[in-house]
Amino acid sequence: MEHKTVRQSGINTLSKAPRKEKEHAYILIDNDAMKLVPVDKRILNIGLKLDFKLFSIHEKTHMSLFLQAHSVIDEDKKQKLQHVEQVYTLESEKDKYNNFLESHIQDIVRDDTLTLDEKTDIIYEATTDLTKELYSNPDALKNSHLTENIVRPILETILYNEDTISSYMKIIEYDYYTHTHSLNVSVYSLCLGAELKLDKERLTALGKSALLHDIGKSEIDPNIVNKQGFLTDEEFETMKSHPGMGYEIALKYNINDKDILDGIKHHHEKVDGQGYPENLSNNSLGLFPRIICVCDVFDALTTRRSYKNAMHSFDALMLMKTHMSSHFDQSILNTFIRMLHD
């Protein structure tokens, strides 16, 4: 599809609104203030056993225990959850909560009582939490199932539902954090890969590669990664080391799929040979880097930073199609544009 055929009215509906930030809370236990982290009550279904405590605000005055650890959600507790605005668990038990998310997020895909919008919202919230933990602690990659447990429910919604990209576009986070950006790029890449008719095995690998494309930033000084403004030339050179670092991290944790490694290491290459780290061009670039590059740039342009506002989707695509056209595989970019437009 040529650029001139992209109608602004179709794409502009995909402009982005901020999601409400989750609020933490505290509870006094033996006179010590213990930090609480939010739990998504929508994933707490009847029959599930929780290995962590649940707390709720009692009569809007103080926090109280809602459910003891090692308890099963029964019909009575599920009913009461409907009338509780927010539930929490102890920060010290967050690993148990994350393990619970990993184990049960796939159940959301199969829940016929939920609409597609509800499913994508719950899945995005859960995978955001898991991706944040992964980027905070890359040692989590020792759990060989973690990336697949993040990618799988997203992929399932894409493969078995129409209009999935529109549903995710409504709820994707557009304030920049490395983990949310990486999750967004994985969502876009999976949708784009499906448009390109990749099979399920390749799509799973693509989703993992996109999810981990910026994992190398975990090895860079956070003051540079999170700098509130433009980077100096020296800082930018440091940042340019993240694809290679990500490649090494992936190897360290026995990720040996060549396509996954290719996407991590070469997502900043450009078809005109002006990218990094190896100045690859055109036929030297594999499919995964070509896909991830398009999705990476689009999400970066449409995300708010301290020094810039988010661009509308239409404006971002216009920029990519004109001034940045030499960066991308045009066939893949055109498919991406058509996917968002349709």
C-alpha atoms as a PDB file:
ATOM      1  CA  MET A   1       0.000   0.000   0.000  1.00  0.00           C
ATOM      2  CA  GLU A   2       1.433   3.363  -1.000  1.00  0.00           C
ATOM      3  CA  HIS A   3       1.691   6.109   1.565  1.00  0.00           C
ATOM      4  CA  LYS A   4      -0.818   8.360  -0.168  1.00  0.00           C
ATOM      5  CA  THR A   5      -3.571   5.771   0.328  1.00  0.00           C
ATOM      6  CA  VAL A   6      -3.332   5.850   4.122  1.00  0.00           C
ATOM      7  CA  ARG A   7      -6.378   7.810   5.292  1.00  0.00           C
ATOM      8  CA  GLN A   8      -5.768   9.952   8.356  1.00  0.00           C
ATOM      9  CA  SER A   9      -9.288   9.395   9.654  1.00  0.00           C
ATOM     10  CA  GLY A  10      -8.678   5.665   9.964  1.00  0.00           C
ATOM     11  CA  ILE A  11      -5.370   5.831  11.819  1.00  0.00           C
ATOM     12  CA  ASN A  12      -6.025   8.842  14.032  1.00  0.00           C
ATOM     13  CA  THR A  13      -8.553   6.872  16.046  1.00  0.00           C
ATOM     14  CA  LEU A  14      -5.547   5.015  17.428  1.00  0.00           C
ATOM     15  CA  SER A  15      -4.213   8.028  19.358  1.00  0.00           C
ATOM     16  CA  LYS A  16      -3.254   7.032  22.849  1.00  0.00           C
ATOM     17  CA  ALA A  17      -4.451   7.822  26.348  1.00  0.00           C
ATOM     18  CA  PRO A  18      -2.594   7.148  29.604  1.00  0.00           C
ATOM     19  CA  ARG A  19      -3.536   4.210  31.774  1.00  0.00           C
ATOM     20  CA  LYS A  20      -4.204   4.803  35.445  1.00  0.00           C
ATOM     21  CA  GLU A  21      -1.072   4.093  37.439  1.00  0.00           C
ATOM     22  CA  LYS A  22      -1.375   1.363  40.029  1.00  0.00           C
ATOM     23  CA  GLU A  23      -1.165   2.658  43.573  1.00  0.00           C
ATOM     24  CA  HIS A  24       0.712   0.877  46.326  1.00  0.00           C
ATOM     25  CA  ALA A  25      -0.441   0.827  49.940  1.00  0.00           C
ATOM     26  CA  TYR A  26       0.900  -0.006  53.399  1.00  0.00           C
ATOM     27  CA  ILE A  27      -0.286  -2.001  56.384  1.00  0.00           C
ATOM     28  CA  LEU A  28       0.956  -2.071  59.976  1.00  0.00           C
ATOM     29  CA  ILE A  29       2.005  -5.537  61.118  1.00  0.00           C
ATOM     30  CA  ASP A  30       3.564  -5.735  64.584  1.00  0.00           C
ATOM     31  CA  ASN A  31       4.094  -1.964  64.408  1.00  0.00           C
ATOM     32  CA  ASP A  32       6.077  -2.276  61.172  1.00  0.00           C
ATOM     33  CA  ALA A  33       4.814  -0.623  57.986  1.00  0.00           C
ATOM     34  CA  MET A  34       4.660  -3.330  55.317  1.00  0.00           C
ATOM     35  CA  LYS A  35       4.367  -2.350  51.659  1.00  0.00           C
ATOM     36  CA  LEU A  36       1.466  -3.791  49.683  1.00  0.00           C
ATOM     37  CA  VAL A  37       1.304  -4.220  45.904  1.00  0.00           C
ATOM     38  CA  PRO A  38      -1.908  -4.294  43.828  1.00  0.00           C
ATOM     39  CA  VAL A  39      -3.404  -7.607  42.707  1.00  0.00           C
ATOM     40  CA  ASP A  40      -5.690  -7.853  39.683  1.00  0.00           C
ATOM     41  CA  LYS A  41      -8.848  -9.300  41.224  1.00  0.00           C
ATOM     42  CA  ARG A  42     -10.229 -10.224  37.776  1.00  0.00           C
ATOM     43  CA  ILE A  43      -7.830 -13.152  37.568  1.00  0.00           C
ATOM     44  CA  LEU A  44      -8.949 -14.564  40.945  1.00  0.00           C
ATOM     45  CA  ASN A  45     -11.476 -17.144  39.822  1.00  0.00           C
ATOM     46  CA  ILE A  46     -13.463 -19.722  41.783  1.00  0.00           C
ATOM     47  CA  GLY A  47     -11.491 -22.850  42.619  1.00  0.00           C
ATOM     48  CA  LEU A  48      -8.034 -21.269  42.459  1.00  0.00           C
ATOM     49  CA  LYS A  49      -5.713 -21.673  45.443  1.00  0.00           C
ATOM     50  CA  LEU A  50      -3.622 -18.659  46.444  1.00  0.00           C
ATOM     51  CA  ASP A  51      -0.175 -19.021  47.998  1.00  0.00           C
ATOM     52  CA  PHE A  52      -0.224 -15.387  49.119  1.00  0.00           C
ATOM     53  CA  LYS A  53      -2.336 -13.260  51.458  1.00  0.00           C
ATOM     54  CA  LEU A  54      -4.932 -10.832  50.130  1.00  0.00           C
ATOM     55  CA  PHE A  55      -5.732  -7.520  51.793  1.00  0.00           C
ATOM     56  CA  SER A  56      -8.461  -4.958  51.127  1.00  0.00           C
ATOM     57  CA  ILE A  57      -9.479  -1.573  52.490  1.00  0.00           C
ATOM     58  CA  HIS A  58     -12.117  -2.092  55.169  1.00  0.00           C
ATOM     59  CA  GLU A  59     -14.842   0.588  55.238  1.00  0.00           C
ATOM     60  CA  LYS A  60     -12.419   3.051  53.593  1.00  0.00           C
ATOM     61  CA  THR A  61     -10.577   3.508  56.878  1.00  0.00           C
ATOM     62  CA  HIS A  62      -7.974   0.806  57.244  1.00  0.00           C
ATOM     63  CA  MET A  63      -6.456  -2.218  55.546  1.00  0.00           C
ATOM     64  CA  SER A  64      -7.593  -5.656  56.646  1.00  0.00           C
ATOM     65  CA  LEU A  65      -6.916  -9.272  55.720  1.00  0.00           C
ATOM     66  CA  PHE A  66      -9.305 -10.391  52.997  1.00  0.00           C
ATOM     67  CA  LEU A  67      -8.017 -13.930  52.438  1.00  0.00           C
ATOM     68  CA  GLN A  68      -5.364 -15.977  54.202  1.00  0.00           C
ATOM     69  CA  ALA A  69      -2.568 -17.618  52.218  1.00  0.00           C
ATOM     70  CA  HIS A  70      -3.147 -21.203  50.991  1.00  0.00           C
ATOM     71  CA  SER A  71      -6.867 -20.528  50.725  1.00  0.00           C
ATOM     72  CA  VAL A  72      -9.135 -21.393  47.808  1.00  0.00           C
ATOM     73  CA  ILE A  73     -11.386 -18.809  46.158  1.00  0.00           C
ATOM     74  CA  ASP A  74     -14.952 -20.007  46.748  1.00  0.00           C
ATOM     75  CA  GLU A  75     -18.239 -18.564  45.520  1.00  0.00           C
ATOM     76  CA  ASP A  76     -18.643 -16.428  48.653  1.00  0.00           C
ATOM     77  CA  LYS A  77     -15.195 -14.839  48.296  1.00  0.00           C
ATOM     78  CA  LYS A  78     -15.678 -14.318  44.560  1.00  0.00           C
ATOM     79  CA  GLN A  79     -18.964 -12.542  45.265  1.00  0.00           C
ATOM     80  CA  LYS A  80     -17.327 -10.335  47.878  1.00  0.00           C
ATOM     81  CA  LEU A  81     -14.543  -9.467  45.422  1.00  0.00           C
ATOM     82  CA  GLN A  82     -17.151  -7.818  43.206  1.00  0.00           C
ATOM     83  CA  HIS A  83     -17.721  -5.223  45.931  1.00  0.00           C
ATOM     84  CA  VAL A  84     -14.056  -4.551  46.695  1.00  0.00           C
ATOM     85  CA  GLU A  85     -12.401  -1.828  44.626  1.00  0.00           C
ATOM     86  CA  GLN A  86      -8.843  -3.133  44.963  1.00  0.00           C
ATOM     87  CA  VAL A  87      -7.033  -6.007  46.656  1.00  0.00           C
ATOM     88  CA  TYR A  88      -3.354  -6.218  47.545  1.00  0.00           C
ATOM     89  CA  THR A  89      -0.683  -8.638  48.629  1.00  0.00           C
ATOM     90  CA  LEU A  90       2.500  -8.079  50.597  1.00  0.00           C
ATOM     91  CA  GLU A  91       5.471  -6.924  48.551  1.00  0.00           C
ATOM     92  CA  SER A  92       7.406  -9.748  50.222  1.00  0.00           C
ATOM     93  CA  GLU A  93       4.985 -12.196  48.582  1.00  0.00           C
ATOM     94  CA  LYS A  94       5.083 -10.661  45.124  1.00  0.00           C
ATOM     95  CA  ASP A  95       7.121 -13.555  43.703  1.00  0.00           C
ATOM     96  CA  LYS A  96       4.297 -15.892  44.708  1.00  0.00           C
ATOM     97  CA  TYR A  97       1.785 -13.587  43.027  1.00  0.00           C
ATOM     98  CA  ASN A  98       3.900 -13.468  39.851  1.00  0.00           C
ATOM     99  CA  ASN A  99       4.119 -17.261  39.831  1.00  0.00           C
ATOM    100  CA  PHE A 100       0.322 -17.313  40.146  1.00  0.00           C
ATOM    101  CA  LEU A 101       0.011 -14.951  37.167  1.00  0.00           C
ATOM    102  CA  GLU A 102       2.301 -17.134  35.086  1.00  0.00           C
ATOM    103  CA  SER A 103       0.316 -20.233  35.940  1.00  0.00           C
ATOM    104  CA  HIS A 104      -3.194 -18.876  35.392  1.00  0.00           C
ATOM    105  CA  ILE A 105      -3.057 -16.062  32.832  1.00  0.00           C
ATOM    106  CA  GLN A 106      -3.722 -18.590  30.057  1.00  0.00           C
ATOM    107  CA  ASP A 107      -7.095 -19.296  31.694  1.00  0.00           C
ATOM    108  CA  ILE A 108      -8.212 -15.784  30.711  1.00  0.00           C
ATOM    109  CA  VAL A 109      -7.873 -16.623  27.012  1.00  0.00           C
ATOM    110  CA  ARG A 110     -10.345 -19.483  27.401  1.00  0.00           C
ATOM    111  CA  ASP A 111     -12.867 -17.626  29.597  1.00  0.00           C
ATOM    112  CA  ASP A 112     -15.988 -17.332  27.445  1.00  0.00           C
ATOM    113  CA  THR A 113     -17.642 -14.965  29.940  1.00  0.00           C
ATOM    114  CA  LEU A 114     -15.163 -12.208  29.009  1.00  0.00           C
ATOM    115  CA  THR A 115     -15.234  -9.957  25.949  1.00  0.00           C
ATOM    116  CA  LEU A 116     -12.111  -9.589  23.810  1.00  0.00           C
ATOM    117  CA  ASP A 117     -11.522  -6.104  25.266  1.00  0.00           C
ATOM    118  CA  GLU A 118     -11.714  -7.514  28.797  1.00  0.00           C
ATOM    119  CA  LYS A 119      -9.335 -10.345  27.926  1.00  0.00           C
ATOM    120  CA  THR A 120      -6.730  -8.091  26.333  1.00  0.00           C
ATOM    121  CA  ASP A 121      -6.908  -5.663  29.257  1.00  0.00           C
ATOM    122  CA  ILE A 122      -6.384  -8.396  31.868  1.00  0.00           C
ATOM    123  CA  ILE A 123      -3.642 -10.072  29.834  1.00  0.00           C
ATOM    124  CA  TYR A 124      -1.844  -6.783  29.210  1.00  0.00           C
ATOM    125  CA  GLU A 125      -1.946  -5.872  32.918  1.00  0.00           C
ATOM    126  CA  ALA A 126      -0.615  -9.290  33.944  1.00  0.00           C
ATOM    127  CA  THR A 127       2.117  -9.465  31.309  1.00  0.00           C
ATOM    128  CA  THR A 128       3.187  -5.905  32.138  1.00  0.00           C
ATOM    129  CA  ASP A 129       3.834  -6.968  35.736  1.00  0.00           C
ATOM    130  CA  LEU A 130       5.750 -10.061  34.614  1.00  0.00           C
ATOM    131  CA  THR A 131       7.798  -8.119  32.048  1.00  0.00           C
ATOM    132  CA  LYS A 132       8.678  -5.494  34.654  1.00  0.00           C
ATOM    133  CA  GLU A 133      10.023  -8.222  36.935  1.00  0.00           C
ATOM    134  CA  LEU A 134      11.976  -9.722  34.033  1.00  0.00           C
ATOM    135  CA  TYR A 135      13.629  -6.412  33.131  1.00  0.00           C
ATOM    136  CA  SER A 136      14.346  -5.656  36.790  1.00  0.00           C
ATOM    137  CA  ASN A 137      15.991  -9.041  37.205  1.00  0.00           C
ATOM    138  CA  PRO A 138      17.196 -10.755  34.013  1.00  0.00           C
ATOM    139  CA  ASP A 139      18.146 -13.763  36.166  1.00  0.00           C
ATOM    140  CA  ALA A 140      14.443 -14.574  35.881  1.00  0.00           C
ATOM    141  CA  LEU A 141      15.375 -15.949  32.451  1.00  0.00           C
ATOM    142  CA  LYS A 142      16.648 -18.986  34.356  1.00  0.00           C
ATOM    143  CA  ASN A 143      12.962 -19.853  34.324  1.00  0.00           C
ATOM    144  CA  SER A 144      12.864 -21.095  30.758  1.00  0.00           C
ATOM    145  CA  HIS A 145       9.066 -20.858  30.658  1.00  0.00           C
ATOM    146  CA  LEU A 146       8.779 -17.188  31.672  1.00  0.00           C
ATOM    147  CA  THR A 147       9.037 -15.551  28.252  1.00  0.00           C
ATOM    148  CA  GLU A 148       6.723 -18.150  26.749  1.00  0.00           C
ATOM    149  CA  ASN A 149       4.180 -17.626  29.533  1.00  0.00           C
ATOM    150  CA  ILE A 150       4.189 -13.910  28.732  1.00  0.00           C
ATOM    151  CA  VAL A 151       3.984 -14.344  24.957  1.00  0.00           C
ATOM    152  CA  ARG A 152       1.536 -17.267  24.770  1.00  0.00           C
ATOM    153  CA  PRO A 153      -1.684 -15.586  26.015  1.00  0.00           C
ATOM    154  CA  ILE A 154      -1.065 -12.547  23.813  1.00  0.00           C
ATOM    155  CA  LEU A 155      -0.502 -14.782  20.813  1.00  0.00           C
ATOM    156  CA  GLU A 156      -3.607 -16.855  21.555  1.00  0.00           C
ATOM    157  CA  THR A 157      -5.821 -13.748  21.528  1.00  0.00           C
ATOM    158  CA  ILE A 158      -4.302 -12.713  18.202  1.00  0.00           C
ATOM    159  CA  LEU A 159      -4.706 -16.081  16.507  1.00  0.00           C
ATOM    160  CA  TYR A 160      -8.263 -16.817  17.591  1.00  0.00           C
ATOM    161  CA  ASN A 161      -9.946 -13.403  17.622  1.00  0.00           C
ATOM    162  CA  GLU A 162     -10.591 -10.764  14.988  1.00  0.00           C
ATOM    163  CA  ASP A 163      -9.713  -7.106  15.633  1.00  0.00           C
ATOM    164  CA  THR A 164      -7.190  -8.030  18.342  1.00  0.00           C
ATOM    165  CA  ILE A 165      -4.795  -5.236  17.387  1.00  0.00           C
ATOM    166  CA  SER A 166      -7.588  -2.668  17.824  1.00  0.00           C
ATOM    167  CA  SER A 167      -8.362  -4.104  21.240  1.00  0.00           C
ATOM    168  CA  TYR A 168      -4.729  -3.931  22.371  1.00  0.00           C
ATOM    169  CA  MET A 169      -4.315  -0.423  20.941  1.00  0.00           C
ATOM    170  CA  LYS A 170      -7.027   0.787  23.325  1.00  0.00           C
ATOM    171  CA  ILE A 171      -5.114  -0.272  26.423  1.00  0.00           C
ATOM    172  CA  ILE A 172      -1.401  -0.301  25.563  1.00  0.00           C
ATOM    173  CA  GLU A 173       0.692   1.858  27.921  1.00  0.00           C
ATOM    174  CA  TYR A 174       2.138   4.994  26.323  1.00  0.00           C
ATOM    175  CA  ASP A 175       4.358   6.438  29.023  1.00  0.00           C
ATOM    176  CA  TYR A 176       7.854   5.174  28.314  1.00  0.00           C
ATOM    177  CA  TYR A 177       9.385   2.511  30.500  1.00  0.00           C
ATOM    178  CA  THR A 178      11.764  -0.097  29.109  1.00  0.00           C
ATOM    179  CA  HIS A 179       9.540  -2.974  30.196  1.00  0.00           C
ATOM    180  CA  THR A 180       6.274  -1.536  28.838  1.00  0.00           C
ATOM    181  CA  HIS A 181       7.997  -0.557  25.598  1.00  0.00           C
ATOM    182  CA  SER A 182       9.337  -4.094  25.228  1.00  0.00           C
ATOM    183  CA  LEU A 183       5.916  -5.597  25.885  1.00  0.00           C
ATOM    184  CA  ASN A 184       4.320  -3.197  23.379  1.00  0.00           C
ATOM    185  CA  VAL A 185       6.875  -4.138  20.725  1.00  0.00           C
ATOM    186  CA  SER A 186       6.122  -7.805  21.380  1.00  0.00           C
ATOM    187  CA  VAL A 187       2.366  -7.198  20.945  1.00  0.00           C
ATOM    188  CA  TYR A 188       2.884  -5.272  17.697  1.00  0.00           C
ATOM    189  CA  SER A 189       5.382  -7.838  16.395  1.00  0.00           C
ATOM    190  CA  LEU A 190       3.026 -10.736  17.080  1.00  0.00           C
ATOM    191  CA  CYS A 191       0.182  -8.958  15.281  1.00  0.00           C
ATOM    192  CA  LEU A 192       2.449  -8.089  12.364  1.00  0.00           C
ATOM    193  CA  GLY A 193       3.896 -11.594  12.215  1.00  0.00           C
ATOM    194  CA  ALA A 194       0.376 -13.001  12.074  1.00  0.00           C
ATOM    195  CA  GLU A 195      -0.410 -10.635   9.180  1.00  0.00           C
ATOM    196  CA  LEU A 196       2.700 -11.995   7.446  1.00  0.00           C
ATOM    197  CA  LYS A 197       1.304 -15.533   7.877  1.00  0.00           C
ATOM    198  CA  LEU A 198       4.061 -16.878  10.118  1.00  0.00           C
ATOM    199  CA  ASP A 199       3.195 -20.186  11.738  1.00  0.00           C
ATOM    200  CA  LYS A 200       2.577 -20.504  15.477  1.00  0.00           C
ATOM    201  CA  GLU A 201       6.073 -21.763  16.295  1.00  0.00           C
ATOM    202  CA  ARG A 202       7.723 -18.865  14.472  1.00  0.00           C
ATOM    203  CA  LEU A 203       5.301 -16.394  15.999  1.00  0.00           C
ATOM    204  CA  THR A 204       6.173 -17.630  19.484  1.00  0.00           C
ATOM    205  CA  ALA A 205       9.869 -17.161  18.749  1.00  0.00           C
ATOM    206  CA  LEU A 206       9.188 -13.700  17.289  1.00  0.00           C
ATOM    207  CA  GLY A 207       7.224 -12.667  20.376  1.00  0.00           C
ATOM    208  CA  LYS A 208      10.065 -13.780  22.654  1.00  0.00           C
ATOM    209  CA  SER A 209      12.664 -11.954  20.566  1.00  0.00           C
ATOM    210  CA  ALA A 210      10.645  -8.729  20.603  1.00  0.00           C
ATOM    211  CA  LEU A 211       9.989  -9.050  24.330  1.00  0.00           C
ATOM    212  CA  LEU A 212      13.726  -9.372  25.008  1.00  0.00           C
ATOM    213  CA  HIS A 213      14.962  -6.925  22.376  1.00  0.00           C
ATOM    214  CA  ASP A 214      15.951  -4.309  24.978  1.00  0.00           C
ATOM    215  CA  ILE A 215      17.052  -6.668  27.776  1.00  0.00           C
ATOM    216  CA  GLY A 216      20.622  -5.431  27.285  1.00  0.00           C
ATOM    217  CA  LYS A 217      19.595  -2.090  28.792  1.00  0.00           C
ATOM    218  CA  SER A 218      19.513  -3.850  32.170  1.00  0.00           C
ATOM    219  CA  GLU A 219      23.337  -3.788  31.999  1.00  0.00           C
ATOM    220  CA  ILE A 220      23.525  -0.028  31.361  1.00  0.00           C
ATOM    221  CA  ASP A 221      23.633   2.692  34.030  1.00  0.00           C
ATOM    222  CA  PRO A 222      19.963   3.445  34.907  1.00  0.00           C
ATOM    223  CA  ASN A 223      20.819   7.167  34.963  1.00  0.00           C
ATOM    224  CA  ILE A 224      21.480   6.905  31.232  1.00  0.00           C
ATOM    225  CA  VAL A 225      18.574   4.610  30.409  1.00  0.00           C
ATOM    226  CA  ASN A 226      16.099   6.748  32.362  1.00  0.00           C
ATOM    227  CA  LYS A 227      17.618  10.151  31.610  1.00  0.00           C
ATOM    228  CA  GLN A 228      14.998  12.899  31.510  1.00  0.00           C
ATOM    229  CA  GLY A 229      16.095  14.447  28.236  1.00  0.00           C
ATOM    230  CA  PHE A 230      18.319  13.877  25.219  1.00  0.00           C
ATOM    231  CA  LEU A 231      21.485  11.818  25.579  1.00  0.00           C
ATOM    232  CA  THR A 232      24.968  13.234  25.060  1.00  0.00           C
ATOM    233  CA  ASP A 233      27.063  11.711  22.266  1.00  0.00           C
ATOM    234  CA  GLU A 234      28.982   9.660  24.846  1.00  0.00           C
ATOM    235  CA  GLU A 235      25.782   8.434  26.505  1.00  0.00           C
ATOM    236  CA  PHE A 236      24.327   7.514  23.124  1.00  0.00           C
ATOM    237  CA  GLU A 237      27.397   5.439  22.316  1.00  0.00           C
ATOM    238  CA  THR A 238      26.891   3.633  25.610  1.00  0.00           C
ATOM    239  CA  MET A 239      23.220   3.025  24.784  1.00  0.00           C
ATOM    240  CA  LYS A 240      24.216   1.608  21.402  1.00  0.00           C
ATOM    241  CA  SER A 241      25.877  -1.279  23.217  1.00  0.00           C
ATOM    242  CA  HIS A 242      22.533  -2.681  24.438  1.00  0.00           C
ATOM    243  CA  PRO A 243      21.778  -4.979  21.460  1.00  0.00           C
ATOM    244  CA  GLY A 244      25.088  -6.766  21.891  1.00  0.00           C
ATOM    245  CA  MET A 245      24.621  -6.945  25.651  1.00  0.00           C
ATOM    246  CA  GLY A 246      21.137  -8.352  25.171  1.00  0.00           C
ATOM    247  CA  TYR A 247      22.533 -10.992  22.836  1.00  0.00           C
ATOM    248  CA  GLU A 248      25.063 -12.019  25.497  1.00  0.00           C
ATOM    249  CA  ILE A 249      22.392 -12.163  28.214  1.00  0.00           C
ATOM    250  CA  ALA A 250      20.259 -14.400  26.019  1.00  0.00           C
ATOM    251  CA  LEU A 251      23.186 -16.733  25.382  1.00  0.00           C
ATOM    252  CA  LYS A 252      23.984 -16.809  29.091  1.00  0.00           C
ATOM    253  CA  TYR A 253      20.529 -18.207  29.808  1.00  0.00           C
ATOM    254  CA  ASN A 254      20.708 -20.804  27.040  1.00  0.00           C
ATOM    255  CA  ILE A 255      18.506 -19.045  24.505  1.00  0.00           C
ATOM    256  CA  ASN A 256      19.940 -20.574  21.355  1.00  0.00           C
ATOM    257  CA  ASP A 257      17.223 -20.037  18.740  1.00  0.00           C
ATOM    258  CA  LYS A 258      19.068 -18.188  15.974  1.00  0.00           C
ATOM    259  CA  ASP A 259      16.015 -16.145  14.981  1.00  0.00           C
ATOM    260  CA  ILE A 260      15.421 -14.967  18.566  1.00  0.00           C
ATOM    261  CA  LEU A 261      19.090 -14.007  18.936  1.00  0.00           C
ATOM    262  CA  ASP A 262      19.034 -12.265  15.541  1.00  0.00           C
ATOM    263  CA  GLY A 263      16.065 -10.114  16.560  1.00  0.00           C
ATOM    264  CA  ILE A 264      17.709  -9.098  19.832  1.00  0.00           C
ATOM    265  CA  LYS A 265      21.102  -8.269  18.335  1.00  0.00           C
ATOM    266  CA  HIS A 266      20.023  -6.578  15.112  1.00  0.00           C
ATOM    267  CA  HIS A 267      16.780  -4.709  15.863  1.00  0.00           C
ATOM    268  CA  HIS A 268      18.581  -1.370  15.380  1.00  0.00           C
ATOM    269  CA  GLU A 269      19.962  -2.253  11.957  1.00  0.00           C
ATOM    270  CA  LYS A 270      18.477  -0.456   8.935  1.00  0.00           C
ATOM    271  CA  VAL A 271      18.010  -1.689   5.389  1.00  0.00           C
ATOM    272  CA  ASP A 272      20.208   1.179   4.143  1.00  0.00           C
ATOM    273  CA  GLY A 273      23.127  -0.079   6.245  1.00  0.00           C
ATOM    274  CA  GLN A 274      23.176   2.945   8.565  1.00  0.00           C
ATOM    275  CA  GLY A 275      22.116   1.108  11.714  1.00  0.00           C
ATOM    276  CA  TYR A 276      24.076  -0.636  14.462  1.00  0.00           C
ATOM    277  CA  PRO A 277      25.866  -2.644  15.794  1.00  0.00           C
ATOM    278  CA  GLU A 278      27.109  -4.218  12.532  1.00  0.00           C
ATOM    279  CA  ASN A 279      25.825  -1.889   9.781  1.00  0.00           C
ATOM    280  CA  LEU A 280      23.927  -4.734   8.160  1.00  0.00           C
ATOM    281  CA  SER A 281      21.797  -3.893   5.157  1.00  0.00           C
ATOM    282  CA  ASN A 282      19.084  -5.269   2.919  1.00  0.00           C
ATOM    283  CA  ASN A 283      19.519  -9.005   2.296  1.00  0.00           C
ATOM    284  CA  SER A 284      21.927  -9.337   5.249  1.00  0.00           C
ATOM    285  CA  LEU A 285      19.039  -8.638   7.624  1.00  0.00           C
ATOM    286  CA  GLY A 286      16.885 -11.485   8.861  1.00  0.00           C
ATOM    287  CA  LEU A 287      13.101 -11.335   9.081  1.00  0.00           C
ATOM    288  CA  PHE A 288      12.876 -10.862  12.854  1.00  0.00           C
ATOM    289  CA  PRO A 289      15.037  -7.683  12.931  1.00  0.00           C
ATOM    290  CA  ARG A 290      13.018  -6.249  10.024  1.00  0.00           C
ATOM    291  CA  ILE A 291       9.747  -6.811  11.890  1.00  0.00           C
ATOM    292  CA  ILE A 292      10.977  -5.700  15.312  1.00  0.00           C
ATOM    293  CA  CYS A 293      12.604  -2.559  13.859  1.00  0.00           C
ATOM    294  CA  VAL A 294       9.266  -1.316  12.472  1.00  0.00           C
ATOM    295  CA  CYS A 295       7.410  -2.046  15.706  1.00  0.00           C
ATOM    296  CA  ASP A 296      10.197  -0.613  17.883  1.00  0.00           C
ATOM    297  CA  VAL A 297      10.282   2.716  16.047  1.00  0.00           C
ATOM    298  CA  PHE A 298       6.492   3.029  15.905  1.00  0.00           C
ATOM    299  CA  ASP A 299       6.145   2.479  19.650  1.00  0.00           C
ATOM    300  CA  ALA A 300       9.015   4.878  20.414  1.00  0.00           C
ATOM    301  CA  LEU A 301       7.427   7.622  18.287  1.00  0.00           C
ATOM    302  CA  THR A 302       3.970   7.165  19.806  1.00  0.00           C
ATOM    303  CA  THR A 303       5.206   7.087  23.410  1.00  0.00           C
ATOM    304  CA  ARG A 304       5.504  10.051  25.737  1.00  0.00           C
ATOM    305  CA  ARG A 305       8.931  10.999  27.056  1.00  0.00           C
ATOM    306  CA  SER A 306       9.961  13.757  29.445  1.00  0.00           C
ATOM    307  CA  TYR A 307      11.274  15.758  26.480  1.00  0.00           C
ATOM    308  CA  LYS A 308       8.568  15.038  23.881  1.00  0.00           C
ATOM    309  CA  ASN A 309       4.882  14.362  23.496  1.00  0.00           C
ATOM    310  CA  ALA A 310       3.589  11.188  21.924  1.00  0.00           C
ATOM    311  CA  MET A 311       2.898  11.410  18.206  1.00  0.00           C
ATOM    312  CA  HIS A 312      -0.465  10.388  16.812  1.00  0.00           C
ATOM    313  CA  SER A 313      -0.298   7.015  15.096  1.00  0.00           C
ATOM    314  CA  PHE A 314      -1.029   8.585  11.704  1.00  0.00           C
ATOM    315  CA  ASP A 315       1.767  11.153  12.095  1.00  0.00           C
ATOM    316  CA  ALA A 316       4.229   8.491  13.227  1.00  0.00           C
ATOM    317  CA  LEU A 317       3.435   6.303  10.225  1.00  0.00           C
ATOM    318  CA  MET A 318       3.705   9.317   7.920  1.00  0.00           C
ATOM    319  CA  LEU A 319       7.187  10.051   9.293  1.00  0.00           C
ATOM    320  CA  MET A 320       8.247   6.428   8.976  1.00  0.00           C
ATOM    321  CA  LYS A 321       6.959   6.247   5.402  1.00  0.00           C
ATOM    322  CA  THR A 322       8.644   9.457   4.244  1.00  0.00           C
ATOM    323  CA  HIS A 323      11.700  10.778   6.127  1.00  0.00           C
ATOM    324  CA  MET A 324      12.603   7.376   7.599  1.00  0.00           C
ATOM    325  CA  SER A 325      11.698   5.209   4.614  1.00  0.00           C
ATOM    326  CA  SER A 326      15.278   4.044   4.007  1.00  0.00           C
ATOM    327  CA  HIS A 327      15.353   2.485   7.468  1.00  0.00           C
ATOM    328  CA  PHE A 328      12.692  -0.146   6.878  1.00  0.00           C
ATOM    329  CA  ASP A 329      11.731  -3.052   4.695  1.00  0.00           C
ATOM    330  CA  GLN A 330       8.944  -1.338   2.757  1.00  0.00           C
ATOM    331  CA  SER A 331       6.882  -4.474   2.298  1.00  0.00           C
ATOM    332  CA  ILE A 332       6.826  -5.077   6.059  1.00  0.00           C
ATOM    333  CA  LEU A 333       6.125  -1.412   6.812  1.00  0.00           C
ATOM    334  CA  ASN A 334       3.230  -1.394   4.338  1.00  0.00           C
ATOM    335  CA  THR A 335       1.782  -4.523   5.953  1.00  0.00           C
ATOM    336  CA  PHE A 336       2.075  -2.843   9.357  1.00  0.00           C
ATOM    337  CA  ILE A 337       0.260   0.250   8.098  1.00  0.00           C
ATOM    338  CA  ARG A 338      -2.480  -1.856   6.531  1.00  0.00           C
ATOM    339  CA  MET A 339      -2.832  -3.853   9.762  1.00  0.00           C
ATOM    340  CA  LEU A 340      -3.382  -0.710  11.846  1.00  0.00           C
ATOM    341  CA  HIS A 341      -5.640   0.862   9.247  1.00  0.00           C
ATOM    342  CA  ASP A 342      -7.920  -2.146   8.868  1.00  0.00           C
END
